[in-house]
Amino acid sequence: MKKHILVLCSQNYLRSPTAEIIFAGHPHVEVRSAGLDSNAVRTVSEEDLLWSECIFVMERSHRNRLLKKYRALVKGKRIICLDIPDIYERMDPELVGLLLDRVGRYL
């Protein structure tokens, strides 16, 4: 059985889609990405939160926003802050390396 992981950032434009791409082929996980902003490319949904077993956020502010808006839906779920700032382009090699290292240790 694969673990369901959800990766969140603000806009779902650079960081979280990069994570979704690089972990899509991982044998032990199913991955989705979304954004917390209302105008994100793909905004996080209640379905995403119910589906997920583990949630990765890029910044502490994302964890705070997630808990403020969806506390009941994420109760009991592991929320891990990756501390990856919004300074990278999609698929930037440095971003890929950070994601492989910081997410990979939980897989």
PDB file of N, CA and C in Angstrom:
ATOM      1  N   MET A   1       0.853  -1.186   0.000  1.00  0.00           N
ATOM      2  CA  MET A   1       0.000   0.000   0.000  1.00  0.00           C
ATOM      3  C   MET A   1       0.896   1.246   0.000  1.00  0.00           C
ATOM      4  N   LYS A   2       0.629   2.157  -0.888  1.00  0.00           N
ATOM      5  CA  LYS A   2       1.435   3.367  -0.977  1.00  0.00           C
ATOM      6  C   LYS A   2       0.954   4.424   0.012  1.00  0.00           C
ATOM      7  N   LYS A   3       1.917   5.180   0.545  1.00  0.00           N
ATOM      8  CA  LYS A   3       1.620   6.276   1.454  1.00  0.00           C
ATOM      9  C   LYS A   3       1.176   7.484   0.627  1.00  0.00           C
ATOM     10  N   HIS A   4       0.144   8.171   1.072  1.00  0.00           N
ATOM     11  CA  HIS A   4      -0.362   9.359   0.377  1.00  0.00           C
ATOM     12  C   HIS A   4       0.276  10.607   0.971  1.00  0.00           C
ATOM     13  N   ILE A   5       1.067  11.311   0.161  1.00  0.00           N
ATOM     14  CA  ILE A   5       1.681  12.544   0.637  1.00  0.00           C
ATOM     15  C   ILE A   5       1.164  13.732  -0.170  1.00  0.00           C
ATOM     16  N   LEU A   6       0.994  14.829   0.535  1.00  0.00           N
ATOM     17  CA  LEU A   6       0.529  16.078  -0.061  1.00  0.00           C
ATOM     18  C   LEU A   6       1.607  17.128   0.184  1.00  0.00           C
ATOM     19  N   VAL A   7       1.987  17.851  -0.866  1.00  0.00           N
ATOM     20  CA  VAL A   7       3.013  18.881  -0.759  1.00  0.00           C
ATOM     21  C   VAL A   7       2.362  20.223  -1.068  1.00  0.00           C
ATOM     22  N   LEU A   8       2.519  21.165  -0.132  1.00  0.00           N
ATOM     23  CA  LEU A   8       1.864  22.464  -0.257  1.00  0.00           C
ATOM     24  C   LEU A   8       2.861  23.615  -0.283  1.00  0.00           C
ATOM     25  N   CYS A   9       2.543  24.616  -1.084  1.00  0.00           N
ATOM     26  CA  CYS A   9       3.222  25.906  -1.043  1.00  0.00           C
ATOM     27  C   CYS A   9       2.140  26.964  -1.223  1.00  0.00           C
ATOM     28  N   SER A  10       2.497  28.151  -1.611  1.00  0.00           N
ATOM     29  CA  SER A  10       1.501  29.224  -1.731  1.00  0.00           C
ATOM     30  C   SER A  10       0.705  29.133  -3.030  1.00  0.00           C
ATOM     31  N   GLN A  11       1.414  29.136  -4.156  1.00  0.00           N
ATOM     32  CA  GLN A  11       0.780  29.247  -5.468  1.00  0.00           C
ATOM     33  C   GLN A  11       0.671  27.938  -6.244  1.00  0.00           C
ATOM     34  N   ASN A  12       1.337  26.881  -5.789  1.00  0.00           N
ATOM     35  CA  ASN A  12       1.391  25.619  -6.532  1.00  0.00           C
ATOM     36  C   ASN A  12       1.913  25.880  -7.948  1.00  0.00           C
ATOM     37  N   TYR A  13       2.961  26.683  -8.016  1.00  0.00           N
ATOM     38  CA  TYR A  13       3.517  27.051  -9.314  1.00  0.00           C
ATOM     39  C   TYR A  13       4.969  26.600  -9.464  1.00  0.00           C
ATOM     40  N   LEU A  14       5.757  26.668  -8.382  1.00  0.00           N
ATOM     41  CA  LEU A  14       7.176  26.351  -8.486  1.00  0.00           C
ATOM     42  C   LEU A  14       7.587  25.195  -7.573  1.00  0.00           C
ATOM     43  N   ARG A  15       7.493  25.390  -6.269  1.00  0.00           N
ATOM     44  CA  ARG A  15       8.047  24.419  -5.329  1.00  0.00           C
ATOM     45  C   ARG A  15       7.236  23.136  -5.214  1.00  0.00           C
ATOM     46  N   SER A  16       5.957  23.239  -4.900  1.00  0.00           N
ATOM     47  CA  SER A  16       5.189  22.001  -4.701  1.00  0.00           C
ATOM     48  C   SER A  16       5.015  21.195  -5.995  1.00  0.00           C
ATOM     49  N   PRO A  17       4.832  21.828  -7.167  1.00  0.00           N
ATOM     50  CA  PRO A  17       4.785  21.006  -8.388  1.00  0.00           C
ATOM     51  C   PRO A  17       6.110  20.299  -8.675  1.00  0.00           C
ATOM     52  N   THR A  18       7.219  20.946  -8.321  1.00  0.00           N
ATOM     53  CA  THR A  18       8.518  20.294  -8.477  1.00  0.00           C
ATOM     54  C   THR A  18       8.565  19.031  -7.625  1.00  0.00           C
ATOM     55  N   ALA A  19       8.097  19.135  -6.397  1.00  0.00           N
ATOM     56  CA  ALA A  19       8.069  17.963  -5.513  1.00  0.00           C
ATOM     57  C   ALA A  19       7.177  16.872  -6.098  1.00  0.00           C
ATOM     58  N   GLU A  20       6.030  17.259  -6.620  1.00  0.00           N
ATOM     59  CA  GLU A  20       5.120  16.272  -7.196  1.00  0.00           C
ATOM     60  C   GLU A  20       5.786  15.546  -8.365  1.00  0.00           C
ATOM     61  N   ILE A  21       6.494  16.283  -9.202  1.00  0.00           N
ATOM     62  CA  ILE A  21       7.171  15.685 -10.357  1.00  0.00           C
ATOM     63  C   ILE A  21       8.245  14.698  -9.909  1.00  0.00           C
ATOM     64  N   ILE A  22       9.076  15.105  -8.962  1.00  0.00           N
ATOM     65  CA  ILE A  22      10.215  14.239  -8.625  1.00  0.00           C
ATOM     66  C   ILE A  22       9.816  13.030  -7.786  1.00  0.00           C
ATOM     67  N   PHE A  23       8.696  13.101  -7.069  1.00  0.00           N
ATOM     68  CA  PHE A  23       8.276  11.947  -6.269  1.00  0.00           C
ATOM     69  C   PHE A  23       7.171  11.119  -6.928  1.00  0.00           C
ATOM     70  N   ALA A  24       6.733  11.540  -8.101  1.00  0.00           N
ATOM     71  CA  ALA A  24       5.651  10.821  -8.798  1.00  0.00           C
ATOM     72  C   ALA A  24       6.023   9.371  -9.098  1.00  0.00           C
ATOM     73  N   GLY A  25       7.276   9.105  -9.350  1.00  0.00           N
ATOM     74  CA  GLY A  25       7.699   7.754  -9.673  1.00  0.00           C
ATOM     75  C   GLY A  25       8.179   6.938  -8.483  1.00  0.00           C
ATOM     76  N   HIS A  26       8.090   7.506  -7.285  1.00  0.00           N
ATOM     77  CA  HIS A  26       8.577   6.806  -6.097  1.00  0.00           C
ATOM     78  C   HIS A  26       7.720   5.569  -5.841  1.00  0.00           C
ATOM     79  N   PRO A  27       8.341   4.426  -5.582  1.00  0.00           N
ATOM     80  CA  PRO A  27       7.570   3.191  -5.455  1.00  0.00           C
ATOM     81  C   PRO A  27       6.681   3.086  -4.214  1.00  0.00           C
ATOM     82  N   HIS A  28       6.936   3.922  -3.209  1.00  0.00           N
ATOM     83  CA  HIS A  28       6.206   3.767  -1.943  1.00  0.00           C
ATOM     84  C   HIS A  28       5.211   4.880  -1.653  1.00  0.00           C
ATOM     85  N   VAL A  29       5.076   5.833  -2.557  1.00  0.00           N
ATOM     86  CA  VAL A  29       4.169   6.953  -2.293  1.00  0.00           C
ATOM     87  C   VAL A  29       3.317   7.306  -3.499  1.00  0.00           C
ATOM     88  N   GLU A  30       2.164   7.878  -3.206  1.00  0.00           N
ATOM     89  CA  GLU A  30       1.374   8.615  -4.190  1.00  0.00           C
ATOM     90  C   GLU A  30       1.446  10.056  -3.729  1.00  0.00           C
ATOM     91  N   VAL A  31       1.627  10.971  -4.657  1.00  0.00           N
ATOM     92  CA  VAL A  31       1.859  12.362  -4.287  1.00  0.00           C
ATOM     93  C   VAL A  31       0.909  13.286  -5.032  1.00  0.00           C
ATOM     94  N   ARG A  32       0.493  14.313  -4.326  1.00  0.00           N
ATOM     95  CA  ARG A  32      -0.273  15.420  -4.911  1.00  0.00           C
ATOM     96  C   ARG A  32       0.375  16.710  -4.435  1.00  0.00           C
ATOM     97  N   SER A  33       0.173  17.766  -5.207  1.00  0.00           N
ATOM     98  CA  SER A  33       0.623  19.086  -4.773  1.00  0.00           C
ATOM     99  C   SER A  33      -0.516  20.073  -4.941  1.00  0.00           C
ATOM    100  N   ALA A  34      -0.460  21.128  -4.137  1.00  0.00           N
ATOM    101  CA  ALA A  34      -1.489  22.166  -4.191  1.00  0.00           C
ATOM    102  C   ALA A  34      -0.933  23.428  -3.545  1.00  0.00           C
ATOM    103  N   GLY A  35      -1.706  24.499  -3.700  1.00  0.00           N
ATOM    104  CA  GLY A  35      -1.332  25.765  -3.092  1.00  0.00           C
ATOM    105  C   GLY A  35      -2.360  26.195  -2.064  1.00  0.00           C
ATOM    106  N   LEU A  36      -1.920  27.022  -1.146  1.00  0.00           N
ATOM    107  CA  LEU A  36      -2.809  27.520  -0.094  1.00  0.00           C
ATOM    108  C   LEU A  36      -3.486  28.836  -0.457  1.00  0.00           C
ATOM    109  N   ASP A  37      -2.952  29.538  -1.454  1.00  0.00           N
ATOM    110  CA  ASP A  37      -3.569  30.798  -1.868  1.00  0.00           C
ATOM    111  C   ASP A  37      -4.834  30.518  -2.681  1.00  0.00           C
ATOM    112  N   SER A  38      -5.798  31.407  -2.559  1.00  0.00           N
ATOM    113  CA  SER A  38      -7.060  31.219  -3.288  1.00  0.00           C
ATOM    114  C   SER A  38      -6.875  31.295  -4.797  1.00  0.00           C
ATOM    115  N   ASN A  39      -5.810  31.949  -5.244  1.00  0.00           N
ATOM    116  CA  ASN A  39      -5.553  32.061  -6.685  1.00  0.00           C
ATOM    117  C   ASN A  39      -4.427  31.129  -7.146  1.00  0.00           C
ATOM    118  N   ALA A  40      -4.175  30.073  -6.391  1.00  0.00           N
ATOM    119  CA  ALA A  40      -3.123  29.113  -6.756  1.00  0.00           C
ATOM    120  C   ALA A  40      -3.494  28.393  -8.048  1.00  0.00           C
ATOM    121  N   VAL A  41      -2.495  27.880  -8.734  1.00  0.00           N
ATOM    122  CA  VAL A  41      -2.731  27.095  -9.947  1.00  0.00           C
ATOM    123  C   VAL A  41      -3.690  25.952  -9.620  1.00  0.00           C
ATOM    124  N   ARG A  42      -3.451  25.273  -8.521  1.00  0.00           N
ATOM    125  CA  ARG A  42      -4.351  24.237  -8.007  1.00  0.00           C
ATOM    126  C   ARG A  42      -4.459  24.457  -6.504  1.00  0.00           C
ATOM    127  N   THR A  43      -5.606  24.877  -6.064  1.00  0.00           N
ATOM    128  CA  THR A  43      -5.824  25.190  -4.650  1.00  0.00           C
ATOM    129  C   THR A  43      -6.113  23.916  -3.871  1.00  0.00           C
ATOM    130  N   VAL A  44      -5.540  23.812  -2.687  1.00  0.00           N
ATOM    131  CA  VAL A  44      -5.767  22.634  -1.847  1.00  0.00           C
ATOM    132  C   VAL A  44      -7.266  22.484  -1.569  1.00  0.00           C
ATOM    133  N   SER A  45      -7.718  21.250  -1.585  1.00  0.00           N
ATOM    134  CA  SER A  45      -9.135  20.976  -1.354  1.00  0.00           C
ATOM    135  C   SER A  45      -9.305  20.116  -0.101  1.00  0.00           C
ATOM    136  N   GLU A  46     -10.531  20.058   0.379  1.00  0.00           N
ATOM    137  CA  GLU A  46     -10.824  19.176   1.506  1.00  0.00           C
ATOM    138  C   GLU A  46     -10.519  17.733   1.115  1.00  0.00           C
ATOM    139  N   GLU A  47     -10.812  17.369  -0.123  1.00  0.00           N
ATOM    140  CA  GLU A  47     -10.525  16.019  -0.607  1.00  0.00           C
ATOM    141  C   GLU A  47      -9.029  15.700  -0.512  1.00  0.00           C
ATOM    142  N   ASP A  48      -8.176  16.658  -0.899  1.00  0.00           N
ATOM    143  CA  ASP A  48      -6.726  16.466  -0.795  1.00  0.00           C
ATOM    144  C   ASP A  48      -6.320  16.187   0.645  1.00  0.00           C
ATOM    145  N   LEU A  49      -6.874  16.967   1.546  1.00  0.00           N
ATOM    146  CA  LEU A  49      -6.502  16.838   2.954  1.00  0.00           C
ATOM    147  C   LEU A  49      -6.990  15.523   3.547  1.00  0.00           C
ATOM    148  N   LEU A  50      -8.176  15.097   3.174  1.00  0.00           N
ATOM    149  CA  LEU A  50      -8.691  13.815   3.654  1.00  0.00           C
ATOM    150  C   LEU A  50      -7.895  12.651   3.068  1.00  0.00           C
ATOM    151  N   TRP A  51      -7.482  12.772   1.817  1.00  0.00           N
ATOM    152  CA  TRP A  51      -6.715  11.746   1.116  1.00  0.00           C
ATOM    153  C   TRP A  51      -5.326  11.562   1.728  1.00  0.00           C
ATOM    154  N   SER A  52      -4.712  12.663   2.149  1.00  0.00           N
ATOM    155  CA  SER A  52      -3.308  12.629   2.566  1.00  0.00           C
ATOM    156  C   SER A  52      -3.110  11.952   3.923  1.00  0.00           C
ATOM    157  N   GLU A  53      -1.952  11.321   4.039  1.00  0.00           N
ATOM    158  CA  GLU A  53      -1.523  10.764   5.316  1.00  0.00           C
ATOM    159  C   GLU A  53      -0.445  11.641   5.943  1.00  0.00           C
ATOM    160  N   CYS A  54       0.323  12.282   5.091  1.00  0.00           N
ATOM    161  CA  CYS A  54       1.425  13.129   5.536  1.00  0.00           C
ATOM    162  C   CYS A  54       1.422  14.380   4.653  1.00  0.00           C
ATOM    163  N   ILE A  55       1.591  15.536   5.284  1.00  0.00           N
ATOM    164  CA  ILE A  55       1.552  16.801   4.558  1.00  0.00           C
ATOM    165  C   ILE A  55       2.883  17.513   4.737  1.00  0.00           C
ATOM    166  N   PHE A  56       3.484  17.885   3.613  1.00  0.00           N
ATOM    167  CA  PHE A  56       4.723  18.662   3.627  1.00  0.00           C
ATOM    168  C   PHE A  56       4.391  20.091   3.227  1.00  0.00           C
ATOM    169  N   VAL A  57       4.865  21.049   4.008  1.00  0.00           N
ATOM    170  CA  VAL A  57       4.705  22.468   3.678  1.00  0.00           C
ATOM    171  C   VAL A  57       6.100  23.062   3.493  1.00  0.00           C
ATOM    172  N   MET A  58       6.190  24.070   2.668  1.00  0.00           N
ATOM    173  CA  MET A  58       7.488  24.665   2.370  1.00  0.00           C
ATOM    174  C   MET A  58       7.972  25.616   3.458  1.00  0.00           C
ATOM    175  N   GLU A  59       7.038  26.318   4.114  1.00  0.00           N
ATOM    176  CA  GLU A  59       7.414  27.333   5.103  1.00  0.00           C
ATOM    177  C   GLU A  59       6.516  27.228   6.337  1.00  0.00           C
ATOM    178  N   ARG A  60       7.002  27.758   7.443  1.00  0.00           N
ATOM    179  CA  ARG A  60       6.203  27.754   8.678  1.00  0.00           C
ATOM    180  C   ARG A  60       4.879  28.479   8.489  1.00  0.00           C
ATOM    181  N   SER A  61       4.897  29.542   7.700  1.00  0.00           N
ATOM    182  CA  SER A  61       3.654  30.291   7.474  1.00  0.00           C
ATOM    183  C   SER A  61       2.607  29.412   6.797  1.00  0.00           C
ATOM    184  N   HIS A  62       3.051  28.461   5.970  1.00  0.00           N
ATOM    185  CA  HIS A  62       2.106  27.540   5.330  1.00  0.00           C
ATOM    186  C   HIS A  62       1.471  26.624   6.372  1.00  0.00           C
ATOM    187  N   ARG A  63       2.268  26.141   7.314  1.00  0.00           N
ATOM    188  CA  ARG A  63       1.719  25.299   8.381  1.00  0.00           C
ATOM    189  C   ARG A  63       0.690  26.090   9.194  1.00  0.00           C
ATOM    190  N   ASN A  64       1.019  27.328   9.510  1.00  0.00           N
ATOM    191  CA  ASN A  64       0.100  28.164  10.291  1.00  0.00           C
ATOM    192  C   ASN A  64      -1.211  28.390   9.546  1.00  0.00           C
ATOM    193  N   ARG A  65      -1.119  28.692   8.263  1.00  0.00           N
ATOM    194  CA  ARG A  65      -2.335  28.911   7.458  1.00  0.00           C
ATOM    195  C   ARG A  65      -3.159  27.634   7.342  1.00  0.00           C
ATOM    196  N   LEU A  66      -2.485  26.514   7.151  1.00  0.00           N
ATOM    197  CA  LEU A  66      -3.157  25.224   7.047  1.00  0.00           C
ATOM    198  C   LEU A  66      -3.923  24.914   8.336  1.00  0.00           C
ATOM    199  N   LEU A  67      -3.266  25.106   9.458  1.00  0.00           N
ATOM    200  CA  LEU A  67      -3.909  24.825  10.741  1.00  0.00           C
ATOM    201  C   LEU A  67      -5.048  25.801  11.031  1.00  0.00           C
ATOM    202  N   LYS A  68      -4.865  27.046  10.656  1.00  0.00           N
ATOM    203  CA  LYS A  68      -5.904  28.044  10.914  1.00  0.00           C
ATOM    204  C   LYS A  68      -7.175  27.742  10.123  1.00  0.00           C
ATOM    205  N   LYS A  69      -7.025  27.341   8.873  1.00  0.00           N
ATOM    206  CA  LYS A  69      -8.184  27.147   8.008  1.00  0.00           C
ATOM    207  C   LYS A  69      -8.748  25.720   8.047  1.00  0.00           C
ATOM    208  N   TYR A  70      -7.884  24.732   8.264  1.00  0.00           N
ATOM    209  CA  TYR A  70      -8.301  23.337   8.123  1.00  0.00           C
ATOM    210  C   TYR A  70      -7.973  22.470   9.345  1.00  0.00           C
ATOM    211  N   ARG A  71      -7.923  23.051  10.512  1.00  0.00           N
ATOM    212  CA  ARG A  71      -7.486  22.314  11.704  1.00  0.00           C
ATOM    213  C   ARG A  71      -8.199  20.975  11.865  1.00  0.00           C
ATOM    214  N   ALA A  72      -9.501  20.952  11.714  1.00  0.00           N
ATOM    215  CA  ALA A  72     -10.261  19.711  11.918  1.00  0.00           C
ATOM    216  C   ALA A  72      -9.890  18.650  10.881  1.00  0.00           C
ATOM    217  N   LEU A  73      -9.618  19.083   9.653  1.00  0.00           N
ATOM    218  CA  LEU A  73      -9.304  18.124   8.585  1.00  0.00           C
ATOM    219  C   LEU A  73      -7.891  17.546   8.695  1.00  0.00           C
ATOM    220  N   VAL A  74      -6.989  18.269   9.333  1.00  0.00           N
ATOM    221  CA  VAL A  74      -5.608  17.780   9.427  1.00  0.00           C
ATOM    222  C   VAL A  74      -5.292  17.224  10.814  1.00  0.00           C
ATOM    223  N   LYS A  75      -6.275  17.175  11.665  1.00  0.00           N
ATOM    224  CA  LYS A  75      -6.064  16.643  13.014  1.00  0.00           C
ATOM    225  C   LYS A  75      -5.533  15.211  12.923  1.00  0.00           C
ATOM    226  N   GLY A  76      -4.437  14.953  13.625  1.00  0.00           N
ATOM    227  CA  GLY A  76      -3.841  13.631  13.642  1.00  0.00           C
ATOM    228  C   GLY A  76      -2.919  13.332  12.474  1.00  0.00           C
ATOM    229  N   LYS A  77      -2.822  14.248  11.520  1.00  0.00           N
ATOM    230  CA  LYS A  77      -1.934  14.042  10.375  1.00  0.00           C
ATOM    231  C   LYS A  77      -0.568  14.655  10.678  1.00  0.00           C
ATOM    232  N   ARG A  78       0.448  14.035  10.151  1.00  0.00           N
ATOM    233  CA  ARG A  78       1.795  14.575  10.319  1.00  0.00           C
ATOM    234  C   ARG A  78       1.992  15.719   9.329  1.00  0.00           C
ATOM    235  N   ILE A  79       2.384  16.875   9.855  1.00  0.00           N
ATOM    236  CA  ILE A  79       2.656  18.054   9.024  1.00  0.00           C
ATOM    237  C   ILE A  79       4.134  18.388   9.208  1.00  0.00           C
ATOM    238  N   ILE A  80       4.875  18.359   8.120  1.00  0.00           N
ATOM    239  CA  ILE A  80       6.317  18.563   8.172  1.00  0.00           C
ATOM    240  C   ILE A  80       6.683  19.815   7.394  1.00  0.00           C
ATOM    241  N   CYS A  81       7.379  20.727   8.063  1.00  0.00           N
ATOM    242  CA  CYS A  81       7.842  21.951   7.410  1.00  0.00           C
ATOM    243  C   CYS A  81       9.234  21.699   6.835  1.00  0.00           C
ATOM    244  N   LEU A  82       9.383  21.953   5.549  1.00  0.00           N
ATOM    245  CA  LEU A  82      10.642  21.712   4.851  1.00  0.00           C
ATOM    246  C   LEU A  82      11.602  22.894   4.905  1.00  0.00           C
ATOM    247  N   ASP A  83      11.119  24.062   5.319  1.00  0.00           N
ATOM    248  CA  ASP A  83      11.948  25.276   5.385  1.00  0.00           C
ATOM    249  C   ASP A  83      12.659  25.548   4.068  1.00  0.00           C
ATOM    250  N   ILE A  84      11.880  25.557   2.992  1.00  0.00           N
ATOM    251  CA  ILE A  84      12.412  25.875   1.668  1.00  0.00           C
ATOM    252  C   ILE A  84      11.786  27.193   1.210  1.00  0.00           C
ATOM    253  N   PRO A  85      12.595  28.261   1.130  1.00  0.00           N
ATOM    254  CA  PRO A  85      12.061  29.577   0.761  1.00  0.00           C
ATOM    255  C   PRO A  85      11.653  29.647  -0.704  1.00  0.00           C
ATOM    256  N   ASP A  86      10.865  30.650  -1.018  1.00  0.00           N
ATOM    257  CA  ASP A  86      10.342  30.848  -2.376  1.00  0.00           C
ATOM    258  C   ASP A  86      11.357  31.627  -3.219  1.00  0.00           C
ATOM    259  N   ILE A  87      12.487  30.979  -3.485  1.00  0.00           N
ATOM    260  CA  ILE A  87      13.551  31.639  -4.266  1.00  0.00           C
ATOM    261  C   ILE A  87      13.992  30.793  -5.462  1.00  0.00           C
ATOM    262  N   TYR A  88      13.300  29.701  -5.699  1.00  0.00           N
ATOM    263  CA  TYR A  88      13.710  28.765  -6.747  1.00  0.00           C
ATOM    264  C   TYR A  88      12.710  28.732  -7.885  1.00  0.00           C
ATOM    265  N   GLU A  89      13.228  28.451  -9.079  1.00  0.00           N
ATOM    266  CA  GLU A  89      12.381  28.206 -10.233  1.00  0.00           C
ATOM    267  C   GLU A  89      11.960  26.734 -10.219  1.00  0.00           C
ATOM    268  N   ARG A  90      10.918  26.421 -10.972  1.00  0.00           N
ATOM    269  CA  ARG A  90      10.469  25.034 -11.080  1.00  0.00           C
ATOM    270  C   ARG A  90      11.615  24.173 -11.622  1.00  0.00           C
ATOM    271  N   MET A  91      11.825  23.045 -10.974  1.00  0.00           N
ATOM    272  CA  MET A  91      12.842  22.050 -11.333  1.00  0.00           C
ATOM    273  C   MET A  91      14.269  22.580 -11.226  1.00  0.00           C
ATOM    274  N   ASP A  92      14.486  23.673 -10.501  1.00  0.00           N
ATOM    275  CA  ASP A  92      15.830  24.171 -10.233  1.00  0.00           C
ATOM    276  C   ASP A  92      16.624  23.027  -9.579  1.00  0.00           C
ATOM    277  N   PRO A  93      17.814  22.723 -10.057  1.00  0.00           N
ATOM    278  CA  PRO A  93      18.579  21.608  -9.494  1.00  0.00           C
ATOM    279  C   PRO A  93      18.792  21.721  -7.978  1.00  0.00           C
ATOM    280  N   GLU A  94      18.993  22.928  -7.478  1.00  0.00           N
ATOM    281  CA  GLU A  94      19.168  23.097  -6.029  1.00  0.00           C
ATOM    282  C   GLU A  94      17.871  22.756  -5.286  1.00  0.00           C
ATOM    283  N   LEU A  95      16.743  23.194  -5.824  1.00  0.00           N
ATOM    284  CA  LEU A  95      15.441  22.870  -5.232  1.00  0.00           C
ATOM    285  C   LEU A  95      15.212  21.358  -5.253  1.00  0.00           C
ATOM    286  N   VAL A  96      15.509  20.719  -6.367  1.00  0.00           N
ATOM    287  CA  VAL A  96      15.347  19.266  -6.477  1.00  0.00           C
ATOM    288  C   VAL A  96      16.188  18.570  -5.408  1.00  0.00           C
ATOM    289  N   GLY A  97      17.421  19.016  -5.236  1.00  0.00           N
ATOM    290  CA  GLY A  97      18.297  18.428  -4.225  1.00  0.00           C
ATOM    291  C   GLY A  97      17.748  18.592  -2.823  1.00  0.00           C
ATOM    292  N   LEU A  98      17.245  19.786  -2.513  1.00  0.00           N
ATOM    293  CA  LEU A  98      16.654  20.028  -1.189  1.00  0.00           C
ATOM    294  C   LEU A  98      15.446  19.134  -0.957  1.00  0.00           C
ATOM    295  N   LEU A  99      14.597  19.026  -1.955  1.00  0.00           N
ATOM    296  CA  LEU A  99      13.400  18.184  -1.816  1.00  0.00           C
ATOM    297  C   LEU A  99      13.762  16.712  -1.651  1.00  0.00           C
ATOM    298  N   LEU A 100      14.691  16.229  -2.442  1.00  0.00           N
ATOM    299  CA  LEU A 100      15.122  14.838  -2.329  1.00  0.00           C
ATOM    300  C   LEU A 100      15.658  14.556  -0.933  1.00  0.00           C
ATOM    301  N   ASP A 101      16.433  15.480  -0.413  1.00  0.00           N
ATOM    302  CA  ASP A 101      17.013  15.308   0.915  1.00  0.00           C
ATOM    303  C   ASP A 101      15.965  15.430   2.015  1.00  0.00           C
ATOM    304  N   ARG A 102      15.184  16.504   1.984  1.00  0.00           N
ATOM    305  CA  ARG A 102      14.274  16.798   3.108  1.00  0.00           C
ATOM    306  C   ARG A 102      12.995  15.979   3.110  1.00  0.00           C
ATOM    307  N   VAL A 103      12.462  15.668   1.940  1.00  0.00           N
ATOM    308  CA  VAL A 103      11.278  14.804   1.881  1.00  0.00           C
ATOM    309  C   VAL A 103      11.715  13.347   1.923  1.00  0.00           C
ATOM    310  N   GLY A 104      12.791  13.053   1.216  1.00  0.00           N
ATOM    311  CA  GLY A 104      13.257  11.677   1.098  1.00  0.00           C
ATOM    312  C   GLY A 104      13.482  10.982   2.434  1.00  0.00           C
ATOM    313  N   ARG A 105      13.914  11.710   3.430  1.00  0.00           N
ATOM    314  CA  ARG A 105      14.192  11.079   4.730  1.00  0.00           C
ATOM    315  C   ARG A 105      12.922  10.574   5.414  1.00  0.00           C
ATOM    316  N   TYR A 106      11.757  11.053   4.981  1.00  0.00           N
ATOM    317  CA  TYR A 106      10.473  10.606   5.571  1.00  0.00           C
ATOM    318  C   TYR A 106       9.821   9.482   4.780  1.00  0.00           C
ATOM    319  N   LEU A 107      10.386   9.171   3.636  1.00  0.00           N
ATOM    320  CA  LEU A 107       9.814   8.132   2.800  1.00  0.00           C
ATOM    321  C   LEU A 107      10.525   6.831   3.061  1.00  0.00           C
TER     322      LEU A 107
END
